């Protein structure tokens, strides 16, 4: 078992990116008022976050026809709907922005005949050719093709399992120590939540977070792989989780650096506020909950947020100790 000093060193190294980013975001954002302090007027709609078309200059909108005679540039994202998940794919980074899944104890049950060995990685032909991630992009890159929705979440259907191997559900991940180890433990933790909660909703995706350099300034720097290089290698990955049972919700968010993480690192070392992920990704989560979103209880107070090693990983760890 790791000593408190050892755990401190581990957290200070492996979790530094996630923790420093959360702190950086928190320091640079005004504190939001609690939802209970916001006055409610049921007879008046909430103030718009941007100027509505009716209040924009009529001349400016008409002039848009002169500025954009050939049309508006297409959005950089593609929505892809699968049986196993829904994803927003980023054409520039050739990675998903997010991948959403929902599972229950019943949906995680294995169906006879479903076999990961029958599945293979494949390019997604729903994406325009010039924006697709390619199988060759990962060849000899040094990175794993990391699942956002893991195949183990959909053992109830060969079709669904096959869908998890589309490259629109994949991003470059460090292999040993991360994708094949700690990240897999986090995925197991998510599945274990179905033992306590009726419904588990998970958003997973990449982040490209700022890092403080020696000059004291923050920079966003990440590797790009492929030939030509066009697939971004995320600096971090997030999981945003919402659970539900009997109409009661709880949530938590975790940000993990894309690097080897020792198995004895506490999962809560990577816990951050949901809004830290939102600011880092430019996304918002659970908006349909309205003001109630701000008061959703902490998942890690409703259950233990900790990883449990599989028999395979436990044996691997024991072998490393005795070697």
C-alpha atoms as a PDB file:
ATOM      1  CA  UNK A   1       0.000   0.000   0.000  1.00  0.00           C
ATOM      2  CA  UNK A   2       1.286   3.431  -0.853  1.00  0.00           C
ATOM      3  CA  UNK A   3       2.337   5.703   1.993  1.00  0.00           C
ATOM      4  CA  UNK A   4       0.695   9.145   2.303  1.00  0.00           C
ATOM      5  CA  UNK A   5       3.978  10.676   1.112  1.00  0.00           C
ATOM      6  CA  UNK A   6       4.041   8.389  -1.945  1.00  0.00           C
ATOM      7  CA  UNK A   7       0.409   9.170  -2.798  1.00  0.00           C
ATOM      8  CA  UNK A   8       1.191  12.877  -2.503  1.00  0.00           C
ATOM      9  CA  UNK A   9       4.033  12.537  -4.989  1.00  0.00           C
ATOM     10  CA  UNK A  10       1.891  10.511  -7.378  1.00  0.00           C
ATOM     11  CA  UNK A  11      -0.952  12.988  -7.267  1.00  0.00           C
ATOM     12  CA  UNK A  12       1.457  15.885  -7.623  1.00  0.00           C
ATOM     13  CA  UNK A  13       2.788  14.372 -10.836  1.00  0.00           C
ATOM     14  CA  UNK A  14       0.030  12.469 -12.626  1.00  0.00           C
ATOM     15  CA  UNK A  15      -2.855  14.678 -11.554  1.00  0.00           C
ATOM     16  CA  UNK A  16      -1.089  18.013 -11.834  1.00  0.00           C
ATOM     17  CA  UNK A  17      -2.542  18.861 -15.229  1.00  0.00           C
ATOM     18  CA  UNK A  18      -6.115  18.256 -14.141  1.00  0.00           C
ATOM     19  CA  UNK A  19      -5.796  19.923 -10.762  1.00  0.00           C
ATOM     20  CA  UNK A  20      -3.836  22.951 -11.920  1.00  0.00           C
ATOM     21  CA  UNK A  21      -6.276  23.535 -14.756  1.00  0.00           C
ATOM     22  CA  UNK A  22      -9.264  23.359 -12.423  1.00  0.00           C
ATOM     23  CA  UNK A  23      -7.596  25.805 -10.050  1.00  0.00           C
ATOM     24  CA  UNK A  24      -6.620  28.097 -12.922  1.00  0.00           C
ATOM     25  CA  UNK A  25     -10.178  28.151 -14.237  1.00  0.00           C
ATOM     26  CA  UNK A  26     -11.627  28.712 -10.790  1.00  0.00           C
ATOM     27  CA  UNK A  27      -9.335  31.649 -10.069  1.00  0.00           C
ATOM     28  CA  UNK A  28     -10.192  33.332 -13.335  1.00  0.00           C
ATOM     29  CA  UNK A  29     -13.959  33.033 -13.199  1.00  0.00           C
ATOM     30  CA  UNK A  30     -16.440  35.000 -11.083  1.00  0.00           C
ATOM     31  CA  UNK A  31     -18.341  32.933  -8.581  1.00  0.00           C
ATOM     32  CA  UNK A  32     -21.837  32.088  -9.723  1.00  0.00           C
ATOM     33  CA  UNK A  33     -24.709  32.895  -7.428  1.00  0.00           C
ATOM     34  CA  UNK A  34     -26.468  29.856  -5.972  1.00  0.00           C
ATOM     35  CA  UNK A  35     -29.615  28.957  -7.881  1.00  0.00           C
ATOM     36  CA  UNK A  36     -31.737  29.683  -4.813  1.00  0.00           C
ATOM     37  CA  UNK A  37     -30.606  33.318  -4.858  1.00  0.00           C
ATOM     38  CA  UNK A  38     -31.789  33.928  -8.421  1.00  0.00           C
ATOM     39  CA  UNK A  39     -35.238  35.564  -8.432  1.00  0.00           C
ATOM     40  CA  UNK A  40     -37.876  33.669 -10.364  1.00  0.00           C
ATOM     41  CA  UNK A  41     -40.628  35.334 -12.381  1.00  0.00           C
ATOM     42  CA  UNK A  42     -42.847  32.756 -14.047  1.00  0.00           C
ATOM     43  CA  UNK A  43     -44.503  35.454 -16.128  1.00  0.00           C
ATOM     44  CA  UNK A  44     -41.305  36.566 -17.826  1.00  0.00           C
ATOM     45  CA  UNK A  45     -38.912  34.468 -19.917  1.00  0.00           C
ATOM     46  CA  UNK A  46     -35.260  34.388 -18.838  1.00  0.00           C
ATOM     47  CA  UNK A  47     -32.983  37.018 -20.319  1.00  0.00           C
ATOM     48  CA  UNK A  48     -31.388  35.807 -23.567  1.00  0.00           C
ATOM     49  CA  UNK A  49     -27.677  35.066 -23.524  1.00  0.00           C
ATOM     50  CA  UNK A  50     -27.206  36.748 -26.898  1.00  0.00           C
ATOM     51  CA  UNK A  51     -29.004  39.407 -28.883  1.00  0.00           C
ATOM     52  CA  UNK A  52     -32.061  37.801 -30.532  1.00  0.00           C
ATOM     53  CA  UNK A  53     -32.556  38.244 -34.286  1.00  0.00           C
ATOM     54  CA  UNK A  54     -35.522  40.570 -33.664  1.00  0.00           C
ATOM     55  CA  UNK A  55     -33.216  43.062 -31.938  1.00  0.00           C
ATOM     56  CA  UNK A  56     -30.371  42.840 -34.431  1.00  0.00           C
ATOM     57  CA  UNK A  57     -29.997  45.519 -37.057  1.00  0.00           C
ATOM     58  CA  UNK A  58     -32.290  44.773 -40.005  1.00  0.00           C
ATOM     59  CA  UNK A  59     -29.774  46.400 -42.345  1.00  0.00           C
ATOM     60  CA  UNK A  60     -26.950  44.249 -40.956  1.00  0.00           C
ATOM     61  CA  UNK A  61     -28.923  41.045 -41.519  1.00  0.00           C
ATOM     62  CA  UNK A  62     -29.841  42.083 -45.050  1.00  0.00           C
ATOM     63  CA  UNK A  63     -26.224  42.976 -45.740  1.00  0.00           C
ATOM     64  CA  UNK A  64     -25.227  39.433 -44.830  1.00  0.00           C
ATOM     65  CA  UNK A  65     -26.460  38.401 -48.275  1.00  0.00           C
ATOM     66  CA  UNK A  66     -23.748  40.604 -49.754  1.00  0.00           C
ATOM     67  CA  UNK A  67     -21.069  39.364 -47.362  1.00  0.00           C
ATOM     68  CA  UNK A  68     -21.998  35.684 -47.762  1.00  0.00           C
ATOM     69  CA  UNK A  69     -23.198  35.315 -51.364  1.00  0.00           C
ATOM     70  CA  UNK A  70     -21.820  31.762 -51.525  1.00  0.00           C
ATOM     71  CA  UNK A  71     -23.318  30.587 -48.259  1.00  0.00           C
ATOM     72  CA  UNK A  72     -22.215  30.189 -44.657  1.00  0.00           C
ATOM     73  CA  UNK A  73     -19.124  28.014 -43.996  1.00  0.00           C
ATOM     74  CA  UNK A  74     -20.174  24.550 -42.855  1.00  0.00           C
ATOM     75  CA  UNK A  75     -19.841  23.831 -39.138  1.00  0.00           C
ATOM     76  CA  UNK A  76     -16.645  22.050 -38.035  1.00  0.00           C
ATOM     77  CA  UNK A  77     -18.606  19.356 -36.213  1.00  0.00           C
ATOM     78  CA  UNK A  78     -20.608  16.325 -37.339  1.00  0.00           C
ATOM     79  CA  UNK A  79     -23.314  14.697 -35.235  1.00  0.00           C
ATOM     80  CA  UNK A  80     -23.139  10.920 -35.524  1.00  0.00           C
ATOM     81  CA  UNK A  81     -25.958   8.749 -34.164  1.00  0.00           C
ATOM     82  CA  UNK A  82     -25.256   5.102 -33.348  1.00  0.00           C
ATOM     83  CA  UNK A  83     -27.156   2.431 -31.472  1.00  0.00           C
ATOM     84  CA  UNK A  84     -24.429   2.392 -28.824  1.00  0.00           C
ATOM     85  CA  UNK A  85     -23.820   6.125 -28.458  1.00  0.00           C
ATOM     86  CA  UNK A  86     -24.165   9.642 -29.865  1.00  0.00           C
ATOM     87  CA  UNK A  87     -21.067  11.640 -30.721  1.00  0.00           C
ATOM     88  CA  UNK A  88     -20.055  15.085 -31.897  1.00  0.00           C
ATOM     89  CA  UNK A  89     -17.034  14.703 -34.181  1.00  0.00           C
ATOM     90  CA  UNK A  90     -14.553  17.541 -34.651  1.00  0.00           C
ATOM     91  CA  UNK A  91     -13.368  17.809 -38.256  1.00  0.00           C
ATOM     92  CA  UNK A  92     -10.329  19.929 -37.422  1.00  0.00           C
ATOM     93  CA  UNK A  93      -8.941  17.740 -34.638  1.00  0.00           C
ATOM     94  CA  UNK A  94     -10.181  14.436 -36.164  1.00  0.00           C
ATOM     95  CA  UNK A  95     -11.376  13.499 -32.681  1.00  0.00           C
ATOM     96  CA  UNK A  96     -14.786  13.494 -31.037  1.00  0.00           C
ATOM     97  CA  UNK A  97     -15.743  16.562 -29.013  1.00  0.00           C
ATOM     98  CA  UNK A  98     -17.832  14.300 -26.844  1.00  0.00           C
ATOM     99  CA  UNK A  99     -19.381  10.849 -26.893  1.00  0.00           C
ATOM    100  CA  UNK A 100     -22.525  10.189 -24.863  1.00  0.00           C
ATOM    101  CA  UNK A 101     -23.785   6.853 -23.587  1.00  0.00           C
ATOM    102  CA  UNK A 102     -26.468   5.562 -21.240  1.00  0.00           C
ATOM    103  CA  UNK A 103     -26.370   2.205 -19.534  1.00  0.00           C
ATOM    104  CA  UNK A 104     -28.108   0.203 -16.832  1.00  0.00           C
ATOM    105  CA  UNK A 105     -27.414  -3.048 -15.039  1.00  0.00           C
ATOM    106  CA  UNK A 106     -29.513  -4.898 -17.639  1.00  0.00           C
ATOM    107  CA  UNK A 107     -27.848  -3.262 -20.655  1.00  0.00           C
ATOM    108  CA  UNK A 108     -24.423  -4.293 -19.371  1.00  0.00           C
ATOM    109  CA  UNK A 109     -25.330  -7.983 -19.321  1.00  0.00           C
ATOM    110  CA  UNK A 110     -23.455 -10.042 -21.868  1.00  0.00           C
ATOM    111  CA  UNK A 111     -25.344 -11.691 -24.710  1.00  0.00           C
ATOM    112  CA  UNK A 112     -24.077 -15.055 -25.913  1.00  0.00           C
ATOM    113  CA  UNK A 113     -22.079 -14.802 -29.107  1.00  0.00           C
ATOM    114  CA  UNK A 114     -21.016 -11.179 -28.681  1.00  0.00           C
ATOM    115  CA  UNK A 115     -17.245 -11.164 -29.055  1.00  0.00           C
ATOM    116  CA  UNK A 116     -14.791  -8.272 -29.163  1.00  0.00           C
ATOM    117  CA  UNK A 117     -12.585 -10.403 -31.394  1.00  0.00           C
ATOM    118  CA  UNK A 118     -15.182 -10.080 -34.153  1.00  0.00           C
ATOM    119  CA  UNK A 119     -14.896  -6.281 -34.131  1.00  0.00           C
ATOM    120  CA  UNK A 120     -12.257  -4.275 -35.959  1.00  0.00           C
ATOM    121  CA  UNK A 121     -11.290  -0.609 -36.123  1.00  0.00           C
ATOM    122  CA  UNK A 122     -12.733   1.201 -39.121  1.00  0.00           C
ATOM    123  CA  UNK A 123     -12.964   4.643 -40.640  1.00  0.00           C
ATOM    124  CA  UNK A 124     -16.333   6.365 -40.497  1.00  0.00           C
ATOM    125  CA  UNK A 125     -17.759   6.903 -43.973  1.00  0.00           C
ATOM    126  CA  UNK A 126     -20.433   9.254 -42.619  1.00  0.00           C
ATOM    127  CA  UNK A 127     -17.662  11.880 -42.320  1.00  0.00           C
ATOM    128  CA  UNK A 128     -16.571  13.709 -45.509  1.00  0.00           C
ATOM    129  CA  UNK A 129     -13.348  12.059 -46.770  1.00  0.00           C
ATOM    130  CA  UNK A 130     -11.126  15.109 -46.272  1.00  0.00           C
ATOM    131  CA  UNK A 131     -12.049  15.299 -42.577  1.00  0.00           C
ATOM    132  CA  UNK A 132     -11.935  11.643 -41.571  1.00  0.00           C
ATOM    133  CA  UNK A 133      -9.483  10.146 -39.138  1.00  0.00           C
ATOM    134  CA  UNK A 134      -7.684   7.356 -40.990  1.00  0.00           C
ATOM    135  CA  UNK A 135      -6.423   4.003 -39.793  1.00  0.00           C
ATOM    136  CA  UNK A 136      -3.014   4.904 -41.212  1.00  0.00           C
ATOM    137  CA  UNK A 137      -2.929   7.989 -38.990  1.00  0.00           C
ATOM    138  CA  UNK A 138      -2.354   5.715 -35.991  1.00  0.00           C
ATOM    139  CA  UNK A 139       0.178   3.431 -37.702  1.00  0.00           C
ATOM    140  CA  UNK A 140       3.489   3.541 -35.787  1.00  0.00           C
ATOM    141  CA  UNK A 141       2.288   6.688 -34.011  1.00  0.00           C
ATOM    142  CA  UNK A 142       3.116   5.342 -30.561  1.00  0.00           C
ATOM    143  CA  UNK A 143      -0.482   5.902 -29.412  1.00  0.00           C
ATOM    144  CA  UNK A 144      -3.371   3.521 -28.844  1.00  0.00           C
ATOM    145  CA  UNK A 145      -6.698   3.945 -30.592  1.00  0.00           C
ATOM    146  CA  UNK A 146      -8.495   4.800 -27.367  1.00  0.00           C
ATOM    147  CA  UNK A 147     -12.224   4.138 -27.067  1.00  0.00           C
ATOM    148  CA  UNK A 148     -14.395   6.899 -25.659  1.00  0.00           C
ATOM    149  CA  UNK A 149     -17.311   4.463 -25.265  1.00  0.00           C
ATOM    150  CA  UNK A 150     -15.572   1.184 -24.399  1.00  0.00           C
ATOM    151  CA  UNK A 151     -16.560  -2.059 -26.084  1.00  0.00           C
ATOM    152  CA  UNK A 152     -17.144  -3.557 -22.635  1.00  0.00           C
ATOM    153  CA  UNK A 153     -20.131  -1.230 -22.142  1.00  0.00           C
ATOM    154  CA  UNK A 154     -22.102  -2.893 -24.967  1.00  0.00           C
ATOM    155  CA  UNK A 155     -21.604  -6.643 -24.587  1.00  0.00           C
ATOM    156  CA  UNK A 156     -25.330  -7.081 -25.191  1.00  0.00           C
ATOM    157  CA  UNK A 157     -25.070  -6.552 -28.962  1.00  0.00           C
ATOM    158  CA  UNK A 158     -22.462  -7.356 -31.591  1.00  0.00           C
ATOM    159  CA  UNK A 159     -23.732  -4.459 -33.685  1.00  0.00           C
ATOM    160  CA  UNK A 160     -23.248  -2.008 -30.825  1.00  0.00           C
ATOM    161  CA  UNK A 161     -19.835  -3.410 -30.015  1.00  0.00           C
ATOM    162  CA  UNK A 162     -18.793  -3.062 -33.650  1.00  0.00           C
ATOM    163  CA  UNK A 163     -19.936   0.576 -33.575  1.00  0.00           C
ATOM    164  CA  UNK A 164     -17.493   1.401 -30.776  1.00  0.00           C
ATOM    165  CA  UNK A 165     -14.631   0.687 -33.206  1.00  0.00           C
ATOM    166  CA  UNK A 166     -15.495   3.529 -35.594  1.00  0.00           C
ATOM    167  CA  UNK A 167     -12.758   6.156 -35.451  1.00  0.00           C
ATOM    168  CA  UNK A 168     -15.413   8.752 -34.567  1.00  0.00           C
ATOM    169  CA  UNK A 169     -15.421   7.050 -31.140  1.00  0.00           C
ATOM    170  CA  UNK A 170     -11.633   6.992 -30.910  1.00  0.00           C
ATOM    171  CA  UNK A 171      -8.848   9.376 -29.852  1.00  0.00           C
ATOM    172  CA  UNK A 172      -5.073   8.891 -29.467  1.00  0.00           C
ATOM    173  CA  UNK A 173      -4.209   7.676 -25.968  1.00  0.00           C
ATOM    174  CA  UNK A 174      -0.993   6.667 -24.262  1.00  0.00           C
ATOM    175  CA  UNK A 175      -1.087   2.862 -24.081  1.00  0.00           C
ATOM    176  CA  UNK A 176       0.801   1.380 -21.120  1.00  0.00           C
ATOM    177  CA  UNK A 177      -0.193   2.982 -17.860  1.00  0.00           C
ATOM    178  CA  UNK A 178      -3.195   4.787 -19.297  1.00  0.00           C
ATOM    179  CA  UNK A 179      -5.489   3.312 -21.972  1.00  0.00           C
ATOM    180  CA  UNK A 180      -4.618  -0.281 -21.038  1.00  0.00           C
ATOM    181  CA  UNK A 181      -4.518   0.417 -17.327  1.00  0.00           C
ATOM    182  CA  UNK A 182      -5.801   3.413 -15.351  1.00  0.00           C
ATOM    183  CA  UNK A 183      -8.279   4.598 -17.997  1.00  0.00           C
ATOM    184  CA  UNK A 184      -9.672   1.058 -18.131  1.00  0.00           C
ATOM    185  CA  UNK A 185     -10.104   1.169 -14.344  1.00  0.00           C
ATOM    186  CA  UNK A 186     -12.117   4.377 -14.650  1.00  0.00           C
ATOM    187  CA  UNK A 187     -14.337   2.712 -17.270  1.00  0.00           C
ATOM    188  CA  UNK A 188     -14.872  -0.189 -14.852  1.00  0.00           C
ATOM    189  CA  UNK A 189     -15.788   2.285 -12.117  1.00  0.00           C
ATOM    190  CA  UNK A 190     -18.445   3.810 -14.383  1.00  0.00           C
ATOM    191  CA  UNK A 191     -19.984   0.386 -15.035  1.00  0.00           C
ATOM    192  CA  UNK A 192     -19.909  -0.430 -11.321  1.00  0.00           C
ATOM    193  CA  UNK A 193     -22.252   2.495 -10.660  1.00  0.00           C
ATOM    194  CA  UNK A 194     -25.143   0.418 -12.039  1.00  0.00           C
ATOM    195  CA  UNK A 195     -24.967  -1.682  -8.863  1.00  0.00           C
ATOM    196  CA  UNK A 196     -26.235   1.325  -6.925  1.00  0.00           C
ATOM    197  CA  UNK A 197     -28.012   3.522  -9.493  1.00  0.00           C
ATOM    198  CA  UNK A 198     -30.780   2.710 -11.975  1.00  0.00           C
ATOM    199  CA  UNK A 199     -29.423   4.864 -14.802  1.00  0.00           C
ATOM    200  CA  UNK A 200     -25.903   5.994 -15.594  1.00  0.00           C
ATOM    201  CA  UNK A 201     -25.217   8.686 -18.199  1.00  0.00           C
ATOM    202  CA  UNK A 202     -21.611   9.309 -19.222  1.00  0.00           C
ATOM    203  CA  UNK A 203     -20.019  11.938 -21.457  1.00  0.00           C
ATOM    204  CA  UNK A 204     -16.436  11.220 -22.475  1.00  0.00           C
ATOM    205  CA  UNK A 205     -14.070  13.295 -24.572  1.00  0.00           C
ATOM    206  CA  UNK A 206     -10.685  14.901 -25.099  1.00  0.00           C
ATOM    207  CA  UNK A 207      -9.308  18.146 -23.754  1.00  0.00           C
ATOM    208  CA  UNK A 208      -6.448  20.360 -24.875  1.00  0.00           C
ATOM    209  CA  UNK A 209      -5.510  22.197 -21.712  1.00  0.00           C
ATOM    210  CA  UNK A 210      -3.086  25.028 -20.974  1.00  0.00           C
ATOM    211  CA  UNK A 211       0.227  24.261 -19.322  1.00  0.00           C
ATOM    212  CA  UNK A 212       2.389  26.761 -17.495  1.00  0.00           C
ATOM    213  CA  UNK A 213       5.822  27.055 -19.103  1.00  0.00           C
ATOM    214  CA  UNK A 214       9.099  28.268 -17.609  1.00  0.00           C
ATOM    215  CA  UNK A 215       8.343  31.869 -18.594  1.00  0.00           C
ATOM    216  CA  UNK A 216       5.315  31.843 -16.304  1.00  0.00           C
ATOM    217  CA  UNK A 217       2.844  31.997 -19.192  1.00  0.00           C
ATOM    218  CA  UNK A 218       0.205  29.426 -20.112  1.00  0.00           C
ATOM    219  CA  UNK A 219       0.327  27.678 -23.486  1.00  0.00           C
ATOM    220  CA  UNK A 220      -1.794  25.013 -25.164  1.00  0.00           C
ATOM    221  CA  UNK A 221       0.564  22.530 -26.806  1.00  0.00           C
ATOM    222  CA  UNK A 222      -0.198  19.069 -28.138  1.00  0.00           C
ATOM    223  CA  UNK A 223       1.188  16.569 -30.612  1.00  0.00           C
ATOM    224  CA  UNK A 224      -0.416  15.871 -33.993  1.00  0.00           C
ATOM    225  CA  UNK A 225      -0.114  12.457 -35.652  1.00  0.00           C
ATOM    226  CA  UNK A 226      -0.904  11.074 -39.094  1.00  0.00           C
ATOM    227  CA  UNK A 227       0.382  11.418 -42.637  1.00  0.00           C
ATOM    228  CA  UNK A 228      -0.114  14.260 -43.217  1.00  0.00           C
ATOM    229  CA  UNK A 229      -0.260  15.110 -39.486  1.00  0.00           C
ATOM    230  CA  UNK A 230      -3.895  15.992 -38.774  1.00  0.00           C
ATOM    231  CA  UNK A 231      -5.085  13.950 -35.766  1.00  0.00           C
ATOM    232  CA  UNK A 232      -4.645  15.908 -32.534  1.00  0.00           C
ATOM    233  CA  UNK A 233      -3.316  14.097 -29.461  1.00  0.00           C
ATOM    234  CA  UNK A 234      -5.321  15.318 -26.443  1.00  0.00           C
ATOM    235  CA  UNK A 235      -3.442  16.468 -23.367  1.00  0.00           C
ATOM    236  CA  UNK A 236      -6.266  15.193 -21.131  1.00  0.00           C
ATOM    237  CA  UNK A 237      -9.516  13.237 -21.205  1.00  0.00           C
ATOM    238  CA  UNK A 238     -12.672  13.838 -19.232  1.00  0.00           C
ATOM    239  CA  UNK A 239     -15.621  11.845 -18.001  1.00  0.00           C
ATOM    240  CA  UNK A 240     -18.732  13.690 -16.877  1.00  0.00           C
ATOM    241  CA  UNK A 241     -21.170  11.383 -15.100  1.00  0.00           C
ATOM    242  CA  UNK A 242     -24.815  11.720 -14.096  1.00  0.00           C
ATOM    243  CA  UNK A 243     -26.606   8.979 -12.157  1.00  0.00           C
ATOM    244  CA  UNK A 244     -30.309   8.599 -11.393  1.00  0.00           C
ATOM    245  CA  UNK A 245     -32.418   6.435  -9.096  1.00  0.00           C
ATOM    246  CA  UNK A 246     -36.031   7.094  -8.122  1.00  0.00           C
ATOM    247  CA  UNK A 247     -35.866  10.593  -9.544  1.00  0.00           C
ATOM    248  CA  UNK A 248     -32.798  11.512  -7.506  1.00  0.00           C
ATOM    249  CA  UNK A 249     -29.652  12.590  -9.356  1.00  0.00           C
ATOM    250  CA  UNK A 250     -25.970  12.879  -8.569  1.00  0.00           C
ATOM    251  CA  UNK A 251     -23.035  13.916 -10.728  1.00  0.00           C
ATOM    252  CA  UNK A 252     -19.262  14.133 -10.884  1.00  0.00           C
ATOM    253  CA  UNK A 253     -16.553  15.010 -13.388  1.00  0.00           C
ATOM    254  CA  UNK A 254     -13.019  13.710 -13.747  1.00  0.00           C
ATOM    255  CA  UNK A 255     -10.132  15.025 -15.842  1.00  0.00           C
ATOM    256  CA  UNK A 256      -7.160  12.723 -16.390  1.00  0.00           C
ATOM    257  CA  UNK A 257      -3.851  13.583 -18.070  1.00  0.00           C
ATOM    258  CA  UNK A 258      -3.046  11.527 -21.163  1.00  0.00           C
ATOM    259  CA  UNK A 259      -0.017   9.891 -19.580  1.00  0.00           C
ATOM    260  CA  UNK A 260       0.833   6.841 -17.458  1.00  0.00           C
ATOM    261  CA  UNK A 261      -0.892   6.940 -14.063  1.00  0.00           C
ATOM    262  CA  UNK A 262       0.066   4.527 -11.254  1.00  0.00           C
ATOM    263  CA  UNK A 263      -2.763   2.201 -10.260  1.00  0.00           C
ATOM    264  CA  UNK A 264      -2.585   3.327  -6.629  1.00  0.00           C
ATOM    265  CA  UNK A 265      -3.461   6.927  -7.499  1.00  0.00           C
ATOM    266  CA  UNK A 266      -6.826   7.817  -5.897  1.00  0.00           C
ATOM    267  CA  UNK A 267      -9.563   8.467  -8.443  1.00  0.00           C
ATOM    268  CA  UNK A 268     -10.696  11.546  -6.530  1.00  0.00           C
ATOM    269  CA  UNK A 269      -7.299  13.120  -7.285  1.00  0.00           C
ATOM    270  CA  UNK A 270      -8.757  13.786 -10.741  1.00  0.00           C
ATOM    271  CA  UNK A 271     -12.157  15.053  -9.633  1.00  0.00           C
ATOM    272  CA  UNK A 272     -13.019  18.568 -10.822  1.00  0.00           C
ATOM    273  CA  UNK A 273     -16.208  20.662 -10.918  1.00  0.00           C
ATOM    274  CA  UNK A 274     -18.383  20.017 -13.960  1.00  0.00           C
ATOM    275  CA  UNK A 275     -18.081  23.668 -14.927  1.00  0.00           C
ATOM    276  CA  UNK A 276     -14.282  23.293 -15.113  1.00  0.00           C
ATOM    277  CA  UNK A 277     -14.790  20.736 -17.890  1.00  0.00           C
ATOM    278  CA  UNK A 278     -17.309  23.055 -19.522  1.00  0.00           C
ATOM    279  CA  UNK A 279     -14.861  25.967 -19.594  1.00  0.00           C
ATOM    280  CA  UNK A 280     -12.032  23.764 -20.811  1.00  0.00           C
ATOM    281  CA  UNK A 281     -14.079  22.156 -23.583  1.00  0.00           C
ATOM    282  CA  UNK A 282     -16.469  24.937 -24.577  1.00  0.00           C
ATOM    283  CA  UNK A 283     -19.364  22.530 -23.943  1.00  0.00           C
ATOM    284  CA  UNK A 284     -22.260  22.626 -21.524  1.00  0.00           C
ATOM    285  CA  UNK A 285     -23.759  19.558 -19.877  1.00  0.00           C
ATOM    286  CA  UNK A 286     -27.244  18.791 -18.528  1.00  0.00           C
ATOM    287  CA  UNK A 287     -28.721  22.184 -19.496  1.00  0.00           C
ATOM    288  CA  UNK A 288     -32.243  20.770 -19.721  1.00  0.00           C
ATOM    289  CA  UNK A 289     -32.178  20.401 -15.947  1.00  0.00           C
ATOM    290  CA  UNK A 290     -32.416  24.192 -15.699  1.00  0.00           C
ATOM    291  CA  UNK A 291     -31.490  25.855 -12.378  1.00  0.00           C
ATOM    292  CA  UNK A 292     -31.688  22.462 -10.648  1.00  0.00           C
ATOM    293  CA  UNK A 293     -28.404  21.562 -12.337  1.00  0.00           C
ATOM    294  CA  UNK A 294     -26.511  23.749  -9.859  1.00  0.00           C
ATOM    295  CA  UNK A 295     -27.882  21.768  -6.920  1.00  0.00           C
ATOM    296  CA  UNK A 296     -27.308  18.203  -8.119  1.00  0.00           C
ATOM    297  CA  UNK A 297     -25.605  16.312  -5.251  1.00  0.00           C
ATOM    298  CA  UNK A 298     -21.999  15.187  -5.510  1.00  0.00           C
ATOM    299  CA  UNK A 299     -21.739  11.616  -6.786  1.00  0.00           C
ATOM    300  CA  UNK A 300     -18.693  10.985  -4.613  1.00  0.00           C
ATOM    301  CA  UNK A 301     -20.788  11.673  -1.519  1.00  0.00           C
ATOM    302  CA  UNK A 302     -23.439   9.208  -2.662  1.00  0.00           C
ATOM    303  CA  UNK A 303     -20.932   6.437  -3.421  1.00  0.00           C
ATOM    304  CA  UNK A 304     -17.225   5.710  -3.193  1.00  0.00           C
ATOM    305  CA  UNK A 305     -15.384   7.173  -6.152  1.00  0.00           C
ATOM    306  CA  UNK A 306     -12.550   4.696  -6.363  1.00  0.00           C
ATOM    307  CA  UNK A 307     -11.142   2.314  -8.909  1.00  0.00           C
ATOM    308  CA  UNK A 308     -11.130  -1.444  -8.418  1.00  0.00           C
ATOM    309  CA  UNK A 309      -8.544  -3.461 -10.304  1.00  0.00           C
ATOM    310  CA  UNK A 310      -9.764  -6.312 -12.461  1.00  0.00           C
ATOM    311  CA  UNK A 311      -8.310  -9.769 -11.802  1.00  0.00           C
ATOM    312  CA  UNK A 312      -6.073  -9.298 -14.849  1.00  0.00           C
ATOM    313  CA  UNK A 313      -4.689  -5.977 -13.652  1.00  0.00           C
ATOM    314  CA  UNK A 314      -4.327  -7.226 -10.072  1.00  0.00           C
ATOM    315  CA  UNK A 315      -2.284 -10.195 -11.313  1.00  0.00           C
ATOM    316  CA  UNK A 316      -0.223  -7.854 -13.496  1.00  0.00           C
ATOM    317  CA  UNK A 317       0.486  -5.614 -10.519  1.00  0.00           C
ATOM    318  CA  UNK A 318       1.425  -8.557  -8.294  1.00  0.00           C
ATOM    319  CA  UNK A 319       3.771  -9.878 -10.968  1.00  0.00           C
ATOM    320  CA  UNK A 320       5.479  -6.487 -11.175  1.00  0.00           C
ATOM    321  CA  UNK A 321       5.968  -6.426  -7.394  1.00  0.00           C
ATOM    322  CA  UNK A 322       7.506  -9.901  -7.243  1.00  0.00           C
ATOM    323  CA  UNK A 323       9.676  -9.457 -10.344  1.00  0.00           C
END
